[in-house]
Protein backbone atom coordinates (compact mmCIF):
# COMPACT_ATOMS: atom_id res chain seq x y z
CA MET A 1 0.00 0.00 0.00
CA PRO A 2 2.65 2.60 0.86
CA ASN A 3 4.47 2.06 -2.47
CA ILE A 4 1.34 2.66 -4.54
CA THR A 5 0.28 5.61 -2.39
CA PHE A 6 3.64 7.34 -2.67
CA THR A 7 3.87 6.55 -6.38
CA ILE A 8 0.56 8.37 -6.90
CA ALA A 9 1.77 11.23 -4.66
CA LYS A 10 5.00 11.52 -6.67
CA GLN A 11 3.17 11.47 -9.99
CA THR A 12 0.71 14.13 -8.74
CA TYR A 13 3.58 16.32 -7.51
CA GLN A 14 5.52 16.05 -10.77
CA SER A 15 2.51 16.61 -13.00
CA THR A 16 1.65 19.75 -11.03
CA PHE A 17 4.99 21.37 -11.77
CA GLY A 18 4.84 20.05 -15.32
CA ASN A 19 1.76 22.19 -15.97
CA LYS A 20 2.86 25.69 -17.04
CA ALA A 21 -0.30 27.38 -15.74
CA THR A 22 0.03 25.94 -12.23
CA LEU A 23 3.76 26.59 -12.29
CA VAL A 24 3.11 30.28 -13.02
CA LEU A 25 0.51 30.43 -10.22
CA THR A 26 2.94 28.82 -7.81
CA ILE A 27 5.70 31.28 -8.73
CA LEU A 28 3.32 34.23 -8.36
CA LEU A 29 2.27 33.00 -4.93
CA GLY A 30 5.90 32.53 -3.95
CA LEU A 31 6.63 36.12 -5.00
CA SER A 32 3.63 37.31 -2.98
CA LEU A 33 5.02 35.54 0.08
CA CYS A 34 8.43 37.12 -0.47
CA LEU A 35 6.78 40.54 -0.73
CA ALA A 36 4.70 39.88 2.40
CA THR A 37 7.82 38.79 4.28
CA TYR A 38 9.68 41.94 3.26
CA VAL A 39 6.71 44.17 4.19
CA GLY A 40 6.37 42.47 7.57
CA TRP A 41 10.07 42.76 8.28
CA GLN A 42 10.18 46.45 7.30
CA ASN A 43 6.99 47.14 9.25
CA PHE A 44 8.46 45.60 12.41
CA LYS A 45 11.81 47.39 12.11
CA THR A 46 10.28 50.81 11.39
CA GLN A 47 7.58 50.73 14.05
CA ASN A 48 9.69 49.14 16.75
CA ASN A 49 12.55 51.58 16.20
CA GLN A 50 10.10 54.48 16.42
CA ARG A 51 8.62 53.17 19.66
CA LEU A 52 12.03 52.58 21.23
CA TYR A 53 13.15 56.06 20.20
CA TYR A 54 10.13 57.81 21.71
CA LYS A 55 10.15 55.53 24.75
CA ASN A 56 13.72 56.62 25.53
CA MET A 57 12.76 60.24 24.85
CA VAL A 58 9.83 60.08 27.28
CA ARG A 59 12.05 58.59 29.99
CA ALA A 60 14.76 61.20 29.47
CA GLN A 61 12.23 64.05 29.62
CA TRP A 62 10.72 62.64 32.81
CA LEU A 63 14.11 62.44 34.53
CA SER A 64 15.12 65.92 33.35
CA LYS A 65 12.18 67.69 34.99
CA PRO A 66 13.31 70.23 37.61
CA ASP A 67 12.20 70.42 41.24
CA LYS A 68 8.41 70.44 41.27
CA HIS A 69 5.35 69.85 43.36
CA PRO A 70 4.67 66.05 43.02
CA HIS A 71 1.04 66.66 42.08
CA ARG A 72 2.20 68.69 39.09
CA MET A 73 4.38 65.75 38.05
CA ALA A 74 1.38 63.44 38.39
CA HIS A 75 -0.49 65.65 35.91
CA TYR A 76 2.60 66.00 33.69
CA GLY A 77 2.07 62.30 33.09
CA TYR A 78 3.90 59.53 31.27
CA LEU A 79 3.59 57.99 27.81
CA ALA A 80 3.47 54.18 27.78
CA PHE A 81 4.30 52.30 24.56
CA ARG A 82 3.14 48.85 23.52
CA GLU A 83 6.09 46.95 22.09
CA LYS A 84 5.78 44.60 19.13
CA HIS A 85 6.42 40.89 19.57
CA GLU A 86 9.21 39.57 17.35
CA LEU A 87 6.72 37.23 15.64
CA SER A 88 4.25 40.03 14.87
CA PHE A 89 5.92 40.57 11.48
CA PHE A 90 4.33 37.23 10.49
CA ASP A 91 0.74 38.18 11.36
CA PHE A 92 -0.33 41.82 11.83
CA GLY A 93 -3.65 40.84 13.44
CA ILE A 94 -5.27 43.95 14.94
CA GLU A 95 -1.88 45.68 15.36
CA SER A 96 -2.65 48.44 12.87
CA PHE A 97 -5.98 49.31 14.48
CA ALA A 98 -5.30 48.86 18.21
CA GLY A 99 -3.04 51.85 18.87
CA VAL A 100 0.46 51.80 20.29
CA SER A 101 0.57 54.17 23.25
CA ILE A 102 -1.41 55.56 26.20
CA PHE A 103 -0.89 58.89 27.94
CA LEU A 104 -0.95 58.15 31.66
CA GLU A 105 -1.93 60.90 34.09
CA ALA A 106 -3.52 61.36 37.50
CA HIS A 107 -7.31 61.09 37.96
CA LYS A 108 -7.88 60.19 34.31
CA GLN A 109 -7.72 57.01 32.24
CA ASN A 110 -7.08 57.66 28.57
CA THR A 111 -7.60 55.34 25.62
CA VAL A 112 -4.86 53.81 23.46
CA ASN A 113 -3.94 56.15 20.60
CA PHE A 114 -1.74 56.50 17.52
CA SER A 115 -2.83 53.43 15.56
CA GLU A 116 -1.34 52.89 12.11
CA ALA A 117 -4.86 52.99 10.65
CA GLY A 118 -5.32 56.49 12.03
CA PHE A 119 -2.36 57.74 9.99
CA SER A 120 -3.01 55.72 6.83
CA ASN A 121 -5.14 56.39 3.81
CA GLY A 122 -8.35 54.53 3.01
CA MET A 123 -6.52 51.64 1.38
CA LEU A 124 -5.85 50.09 4.80
CA ARG A 125 -9.50 49.14 5.13
CA PHE A 126 -8.95 46.64 2.29
CA GLY A 127 -6.32 44.87 4.41
CA GLU A 128 -2.56 44.72 4.58
CA ILE A 129 -0.42 42.13 2.88
CA SER A 130 1.14 39.91 5.51
CA ILE A 131 2.58 36.40 5.53
CA ALA A 132 -0.42 35.14 7.49
CA MET A 133 -2.89 36.71 5.05
CA VAL A 134 -1.21 35.07 2.05
CA LEU A 135 -1.00 31.68 3.77
CA GLN A 136 -4.57 31.78 5.09
CA LEU A 137 -6.33 33.16 2.00
CA LEU A 138 -4.23 32.62 -1.12
CA VAL A 139 -2.54 29.27 -0.49
CA PRO A 140 -5.96 27.52 -0.23
CA LEU A 141 -6.88 29.05 -3.59
CA LEU A 142 -3.68 27.65 -5.10
CA ILE A 143 -4.43 24.23 -3.59
CA PHE A 144 -7.93 24.35 -5.10
CA PHE A 145 -6.53 25.06 -8.56
CA LEU A 146 -3.91 22.34 -8.14
CA GLY A 147 -6.31 19.64 -7.03
CA TYR A 148 -9.83 20.40 -8.25
CA ASN A 149 -9.41 17.91 -11.11
CA SER A 150 -7.13 15.47 -9.29
CA ILE A 151 -9.72 12.67 -9.45
CA SER A 152 -12.55 14.12 -11.52
CA ALA A 153 -10.17 14.40 -14.52
CA GLU A 154 -9.36 10.69 -14.13
CA ARG A 155 -13.09 9.96 -14.19
CA GLU A 156 -13.68 12.15 -17.27
CA SER A 157 -10.79 10.59 -19.20
CA GLY A 158 -11.81 7.04 -18.29
CA THR A 159 -8.54 6.23 -16.52
CA LEU A 160 -10.19 6.01 -13.11
CA LYS A 161 -11.65 2.57 -13.86
CA ILE A 162 -8.28 1.36 -15.10
CA LEU A 163 -6.55 2.54 -11.91
CA LEU A 164 -9.12 0.85 -9.69
CA CYS A 165 -8.71 -2.40 -11.64
CA GLN A 166 -4.93 -2.38 -11.15
CA ASN A 167 -4.83 -2.95 -7.40
CA VAL A 168 -5.27 0.78 -6.65
CA SER A 169 -7.92 1.15 -3.97
CA TRP A 170 -9.92 4.31 -3.33
CA LYS A 171 -8.09 4.74 -0.04
CA LYS A 172 -4.67 4.64 -1.73
CA LEU A 173 -5.86 6.99 -4.47
CA LEU A 174 -7.26 9.58 -2.05
CA TRP A 175 -4.17 9.50 0.17
CA GLY A 176 -1.77 9.61 -2.80
CA LYS A 177 -3.47 12.62 -4.38
CA THR A 178 -3.66 14.44 -1.04
CA LEU A 179 0.02 13.84 -0.23
CA GLY A 180 1.02 14.99 -3.72
CA ILE A 181 -0.87 18.28 -3.36
CA ILE A 182 0.27 18.95 0.20
CA GLY A 183 3.81 18.31 -1.07
CA VAL A 184 3.42 21.21 -3.50
CA ALA A 185 2.09 23.46 -0.73
CA LEU A 186 5.00 22.53 1.55
CA THR A 187 7.47 23.24 -1.25
CA ILE A 188 6.38 26.87 -0.91
CA PHE A 189 5.86 26.78 2.86
CA ILE A 190 9.17 25.21 3.97
CA PRO A 191 11.49 27.85 2.40
CA LEU A 192 9.23 30.51 3.86
CA ILE A 193 9.50 28.96 7.32
CA LEU A 194 13.29 28.87 7.06
CA LEU A 195 13.26 32.55 6.13
CA THR A 196 10.82 33.27 8.96
CA ILE A 197 13.12 31.59 11.48
CA LEU A 198 16.06 33.62 10.22
CA LEU A 199 14.17 36.93 10.38
CA TRP A 200 12.65 36.06 13.74
CA ALA A 201 16.08 35.33 15.22
CA SER A 202 17.44 38.55 13.71
CA LEU A 203 14.59 40.66 15.11
CA SER A 204 15.17 39.02 18.51
CA ASN A 205 18.83 40.12 18.33
CA TRP A 206 19.70 36.40 18.38
CA GLN A 207 18.46 36.19 21.96
CA ILE A 208 15.84 33.48 21.53
CA SER A 209 13.60 32.56 24.45
CA ILE A 210 11.97 29.17 24.97
CA ASP A 211 8.53 30.84 25.01
CA ALA A 212 9.04 32.44 21.58
CA THR A 213 10.53 29.20 20.17
CA LEU A 214 7.51 27.20 21.25
CA ARG A 215 5.21 29.87 19.80
CA LEU A 216 6.91 29.52 16.41
CA LEU A 217 6.81 25.71 16.46
CA ILE A 218 3.08 25.64 17.28
CA LEU A 219 2.51 28.25 14.57
CA ILE A 220 4.29 26.11 11.95
CA LEU A 221 2.38 22.99 13.05
CA SER A 222 -0.97 24.83 12.92
CA TYR A 223 -0.41 26.09 9.38
CA SER A 224 0.79 22.64 8.24
CA ILE A 225 -2.40 21.06 9.60
CA TYR A 226 -4.46 23.76 7.88
CA PHE A 227 -2.83 23.05 4.50
CA PHE A 228 -3.38 19.33 4.96
CA ILE A 229 -7.08 19.91 5.72
CA VAL A 230 -7.51 22.11 2.65
CA SER A 231 -5.64 19.63 0.42
CA ALA A 232 -7.73 16.68 1.62
CA ILE A 233 -11.00 18.62 1.17
CA THR A 234 -9.93 19.51 -2.39
CA VAL A 235 -9.28 15.87 -3.27
CA LEU A 236 -12.51 14.67 -1.63
CA VAL A 237 -14.59 17.26 -3.50
CA SER A 238 -12.92 16.21 -6.75
CA ALA A 239 -13.71 12.57 -5.95
CA PHE A 240 -17.39 13.19 -5.22
CA GLN A 241 -18.09 15.52 -8.17
CA ARG A 242 -18.93 14.20 -11.60
CA SER A 243 -16.89 16.80 -13.49
CA SER A 244 -13.86 19.00 -12.92
CA LYS A 245 -15.87 22.12 -13.69
CA THR A 246 -18.39 21.32 -10.97
CA ALA A 247 -15.59 20.53 -8.52
CA LEU A 248 -13.89 23.89 -9.17
CA ILE A 249 -17.14 25.83 -8.80
CA THR A 250 -17.88 23.99 -5.53
CA LEU A 251 -14.43 24.73 -4.11
CA LEU A 252 -14.51 28.41 -5.11
CA SER A 253 -18.00 28.77 -3.64
CA CYS A 254 -16.74 27.26 -0.38
CA TRP A 255 -13.78 29.67 -0.36
CA ILE A 256 -16.02 32.69 -0.88
CA PHE A 257 -18.44 31.61 1.86
CA PHE A 258 -16.01 30.36 4.52
CA VAL A 259 -13.26 32.96 4.01
CA ILE A 260 -15.11 36.10 2.86
CA LEU A 261 -18.76 35.94 3.92
CA MET A 262 -18.90 33.80 7.06
CA PRO A 263 -16.37 35.80 9.14
CA ARG A 264 -18.26 39.04 8.47
CA ILE A 265 -21.65 37.48 9.15
CA ILE A 266 -20.42 36.03 12.45
CA GLN A 267 -18.93 39.39 13.44
CA ALA A 268 -22.16 41.19 12.65
CA ILE A 269 -24.18 38.69 14.69
CA GLY A 270 -21.86 39.07 17.70
CA THR A 271 -22.07 42.87 17.56
CA LYS A 272 -25.85 42.77 17.22
CA ILE A 273 -26.40 40.43 20.17
CA HIS A 274 -23.79 42.10 22.41
CA PRO A 275 -23.73 45.83 21.49
CA THR A 276 -21.08 48.10 23.00
CA PRO A 277 -21.61 51.65 24.27
CA SER A 278 -20.24 54.61 22.34
CA LYS A 279 -17.17 56.41 23.65
CA ILE A 280 -19.34 59.26 25.00
CA GLU A 281 -21.73 56.85 26.74
CA PHE A 282 -18.78 55.00 28.27
CA ALA A 283 -17.23 58.23 29.63
CA ASP A 284 -20.59 59.49 30.93
CA ALA A 285 -21.22 56.24 32.82
CA ILE A 286 -17.82 56.52 34.54
CA SER A 287 -18.40 60.19 35.40
CA GLU A 288 -21.83 59.40 36.86
CA ASP A 289 -20.43 56.66 39.11
CA ILE A 290 -17.63 58.92 40.32
CA GLN A 291 -20.15 61.60 41.26
CA LYS A 292 -22.12 59.02 43.22
CA GLN A 293 -19.14 57.66 45.15
CA GLY A 294 -17.08 60.79 45.69
CA ASP A 295 -15.32 63.55 43.74
CA SER A 296 -12.00 64.58 45.30
CA HIS A 297 -12.03 67.90 43.42
CA ASP A 298 -15.35 68.94 45.00
CA PRO A 299 -14.76 70.49 48.47
CA ASN A 300 -18.43 69.95 49.40
CA ASP A 301 -18.50 66.27 48.44
CA PRO A 302 -20.10 64.26 51.32
CA HIS A 303 -17.61 61.36 51.10
CA PHE A 304 -14.52 63.54 51.36
CA ALA A 305 -16.14 65.86 53.90
CA ALA A 306 -16.63 62.80 56.12
CA ILE A 307 -12.96 61.87 55.68
CA LYS A 308 -11.93 65.37 56.68
CA ASP A 309 -14.05 65.27 59.84
CA SER A 310 -12.70 61.85 60.84
CA LEU A 311 -9.09 63.00 60.41
CA LEU A 312 -9.67 66.14 62.49
CA ARG A 313 -11.20 64.04 65.27
CA LYS A 314 -8.46 61.39 65.11
CA TYR A 315 -5.58 63.90 65.40
CA GLN A 316 -7.57 66.27 67.66
CA VAL A 317 -7.00 69.39 65.56
CA ASP A 318 -9.39 72.03 64.22
CA ASP A 319 -7.73 72.65 60.84
CA VAL A 320 -6.33 70.31 58.17
CA LYS A 321 -3.22 72.50 58.07
CA LYS A 322 -2.37 71.23 61.53
CA LEU A 323 -2.35 67.56 60.46
CA PRO A 324 1.08 65.80 60.63
CA PHE A 325 0.91 65.05 56.90
CA ASN A 326 -0.18 66.81 53.75
CA TYR A 327 -3.96 66.71 53.66
CA GLY A 328 -4.20 67.49 49.94
CA GLY A 329 -2.03 64.50 49.05
CA TYR A 330 -4.12 62.25 51.30
CA ILE A 331 -7.35 63.35 49.58
CA MET A 332 -5.80 62.96 46.11
CA ALA A 333 -4.72 59.40 46.98
CA GLU A 334 -8.25 58.51 48.09
CA GLY A 335 -9.72 60.11 44.97
CA GLU A 336 -7.29 58.17 42.78
CA ARG A 337 -8.27 54.93 44.48
CA ILE A 338 -11.98 55.60 43.81
CA THR A 339 -11.66 56.71 40.18
CA SER A 340 -9.24 53.92 39.32
CA HIS A 341 -11.55 51.28 40.77
CA ILE A 342 -14.59 52.67 38.92
CA TYR A 343 -12.75 52.95 35.60
CA SER A 344 -11.32 49.44 35.90
CA ASP A 345 -14.79 48.03 36.55
CA HIS A 346 -16.26 49.76 33.49
CA GLN A 347 -13.31 48.79 31.31
CA ARG A 348 -13.60 45.18 32.48
CA GLN A 349 -17.30 45.15 31.56
CA LEU A 350 -16.51 46.61 28.13
CA ASN A 351 -13.77 44.04 27.50
CA ASN A 352 -16.16 41.27 28.58
CA THR A 353 -18.61 42.51 25.95
CA PHE A 354 -15.88 42.40 23.31
CA ASP A 355 -14.98 38.87 24.47
CA LYS A 356 -18.62 37.81 24.05
CA GLN A 357 -18.61 39.24 20.52
CA ASN A 358 -15.36 37.43 19.71
CA SER A 359 -16.66 34.18 21.20
CA PHE A 360 -18.99 33.82 18.20
CA THR A 361 -15.95 33.77 15.91
CA VAL A 362 -14.16 31.29 18.16
CA PHE A 363 -17.18 28.97 18.24
CA ALA A 364 -17.61 29.30 14.46
CA GLY A 365 -14.13 27.79 14.16
CA LEU A 366 -15.74 24.43 14.88
CA PHE A 367 -17.36 24.75 11.43
CA ASN A 368 -14.62 26.70 9.69
CA PRO A 369 -10.91 25.82 10.07
CA TYR A 370 -9.92 29.19 8.61
CA LEU A 371 -11.40 31.00 11.62
CA SER A 372 -9.67 28.65 14.07
CA LEU A 373 -6.29 29.14 12.40
CA LYS A 374 -6.79 32.92 12.30
CA GLN A 375 -7.41 33.03 16.06
CA ILE A 376 -4.41 30.79 16.80
CA SER A 377 -2.11 32.74 14.49
CA MET A 378 -2.95 36.13 16.01
CA ALA A 379 -2.62 34.80 19.56
CA LEU A 380 0.79 33.19 18.97
CA THR A 381 2.17 36.31 17.28
CA ALA A 382 0.78 38.54 20.07
CA SER A 383 -1.31 40.61 17.66
CA ASP A 384 -4.73 39.65 19.03
CA PHE A 385 -7.31 41.41 21.18
CA LYS A 386 -6.24 39.71 24.41
CA THR A 387 -2.70 41.09 23.99
CA TYR A 388 -4.19 44.55 23.49
CA VAL A 389 -6.26 44.17 26.70
CA ASN A 390 -3.19 42.90 28.55
CA PHE A 391 -1.34 46.07 27.52
CA GLN A 392 -4.25 48.20 28.75
CA ASN A 393 -4.21 46.45 32.12
CA GLN A 394 -0.44 46.77 32.56
CA ALA A 395 -0.54 50.44 31.56
CA GLU A 396 -3.37 51.16 34.01
CA ALA A 397 -1.50 49.39 36.82
CA TYR A 398 1.55 51.54 36.04
CA ARG A 399 -0.56 54.73 35.87
CA TYR A 400 -2.15 54.00 39.24
CA GLY A 401 1.23 53.26 40.79
CA LEU A 402 2.68 56.48 39.34
CA ALA A 403 -0.21 58.62 40.61
CA GLN A 404 -0.10 57.09 44.08
CA LYS A 405 3.68 57.44 44.19
CA MET A 406 3.34 61.18 43.54
CA ASN A 407 0.53 61.40 46.12
CA LYS A 408 2.73 59.63 48.69
CA LEU A 409 5.54 62.10 48.02
CA GLN A 410 3.09 64.94 48.53
CA ILE A 411 1.79 63.41 51.78
CA ASP A 412 5.28 62.88 53.21
CA LYS A 413 7.31 65.78 51.82
CA ILE A 414 4.99 68.74 51.15
CA SER A 415 3.99 71.08 53.97
CA ASN A 416 0.34 71.76 54.76
CA HIS A 417 1.03 75.49 54.78
CA SER A 418 0.72 77.33 51.47
CA PRO A 419 3.72 79.53 50.52
CA GLY A 420 3.43 83.29 50.92
CA GLU A 421 3.31 85.74 48.05
CA HIS A 422 7.09 86.09 47.82
CA GLU A 423 8.01 82.57 48.93
CA LYS A 424 9.22 79.79 46.67
CA PRO A 425 6.41 77.40 45.52
CA LEU A 426 6.26 74.13 47.40
CA SER A 427 8.36 71.51 45.60
CA ILE A 428 10.60 68.51 46.13
CA SER A 429 13.94 67.49 44.65
CA LYS A 430 13.96 66.17 41.08
CA SER A 431 15.97 63.17 42.35
CA ASN A 432 12.62 61.72 43.41
CA TRP A 433 11.52 61.27 39.79
CA ALA A 434 14.13 58.55 39.23
CA GLU A 435 12.42 56.40 41.89
CA GLN A 436 9.56 55.84 39.44
CA PRO A 437 10.64 52.94 37.15
CA ASP A 438 10.17 53.06 33.40
CA PHE A 439 7.15 51.34 31.85
CA ASN A 440 8.11 48.01 30.24
CA TYR A 441 5.35 45.95 28.69
CA LYS A 442 5.56 42.19 29.26
CA PHE A 443 3.92 39.72 26.88
CA ASP A 444 1.66 37.03 28.27
CA HIS A 445 3.24 33.62 28.86
CA LEU A 446 2.58 30.94 26.23
CA SER A 447 0.71 28.74 28.73
CA ASN A 448 -1.88 31.50 29.22
CA VAL A 449 -2.11 32.07 25.45
CA LEU A 450 -2.80 28.37 24.82
CA ARG A 451 -5.35 28.30 27.63
CA HIS A 452 -7.22 31.24 26.11
CA GLU A 453 -7.15 29.68 22.63
CA LEU A 454 -7.95 26.14 23.75
CA LEU A 455 -11.25 25.98 21.85
CA SER A 456 -9.62 27.15 18.60
CA LEU A 457 -6.81 24.61 19.00
CA MET A 458 -9.32 21.84 19.71
CA ALA A 459 -11.41 22.90 16.70
CA LEU A 460 -8.42 22.75 14.33
CA PHE A 461 -7.38 19.37 15.75
CA ALA A 462 -10.98 18.10 15.42
CA TRP A 463 -10.95 19.10 11.75
CA PHE A 464 -7.66 17.25 11.32
CA ILE A 465 -9.09 14.05 12.86
CA ALA A 466 -12.29 14.35 10.82
CA ILE A 467 -10.30 14.69 7.58
CA LEU A 468 -8.18 11.65 8.43
CA LEU A 469 -11.34 9.61 8.95
CA LEU A 470 -12.82 10.84 5.68
CA LEU A 471 -9.70 9.88 3.75
CA GLN A 472 -9.84 6.44 5.33
CA TYR A 473 -13.55 5.63 4.97
CA SER A 474 -15.33 8.06 2.61
CA PHE A 475 -14.62 5.81 -0.40
CA LYS A 476 -17.70 3.76 0.60
CA TRP A 477 -19.93 6.60 -0.63
CA ILE A 478 -17.97 7.55 -3.78
CA LYS A 479 -19.31 6.43 -7.14
CA THR A 480 -16.70 5.20 -9.59
CA ILE A 481 -18.54 6.30 -12.72
């Protein structure tokens, strides 16, 4: 059995490259992959260099600030940048639309800004060319054109009966044709992977972590399984259809539905069932909750008035200026705690809504391997929504720590007495600014990534098992003539 199967696979592989039309298509796809690789590499280098440059500039400007009141430094703020993962040149994901930096300041939580889409022309809405896009969308098309007539042509020419009469079973025929077509796909994929490894190591400055290595290996395995699934489906459709023309139309119709229409329909359904508030509604809801719980900038606010009274009683004084610490800093710290908690709750609810919307796409992966691979690819290259949320959370934790650090400096080092008309404004030494560490984003560990994408991984594996079973047993329902 293996000899016949591999003979058929070899013949299929050789005949594919013997056809000038398919050879031209294969070369064009190879050139597209080379272009996508170059674009991804240039995109990573340019954007990452820009972020590192401005990150260093922000840090230098922060450290160079003169002696100031710490509350003024809290409002001066800090700019946090989201770094690119070294594998993000492979799959852009939502990178171009998610924004790259957040301005962090006291009492206020800002959104992520400066996305590539915001600075690009309208062409970006049609998509960017990336390695992942070519592999996910165009390679299946090439496989369809390579294999749509793999068996139907044998039926039309009358050679199918001859093959089946010469000790060639349906099982051997299906496996041989599938292996031959996947061999062509891997001929394109393997050189690309070698180039990817080289670029990835270069972008990592040849300092390769185990986490990133495992990400790349799982990525390669996932795409290989995807190509095998597409190749097997192509051969099975060719085997079940009466003519090559019908097989091609069926395959192209499937591509249009599963790759173009279905993802957009699923997205629209998720958005309809779980709508999100507008930016204005989101901000208004936060402001309303803050007013209910306590506004530190309002001297007549009941919550902070009660705090003032309790402090005066505790320290047995009749004026906040007589407290053994800076009252203004104490109130600002309490206000920061309240606003941060309220904002985090609202942001968590909003992110949960986005997760519910995205869950429709994840579940649809059970019926569409393209969607499963897309989710896995973005997650492994750290260009997915969860990475974006992780950056938001880390930036907010840093912002809160920065604000409370400045409040603590005010509490401990600023006098309660306001300076006179000709006195120097209250301030502390600029050496205190260096105590605030720089913001450094940390990517999620691979184990957490795999846990989040477990359903997508299981869906792709389920498709793989289903295809193996079909190649083994579907011949029972195929008609020879």
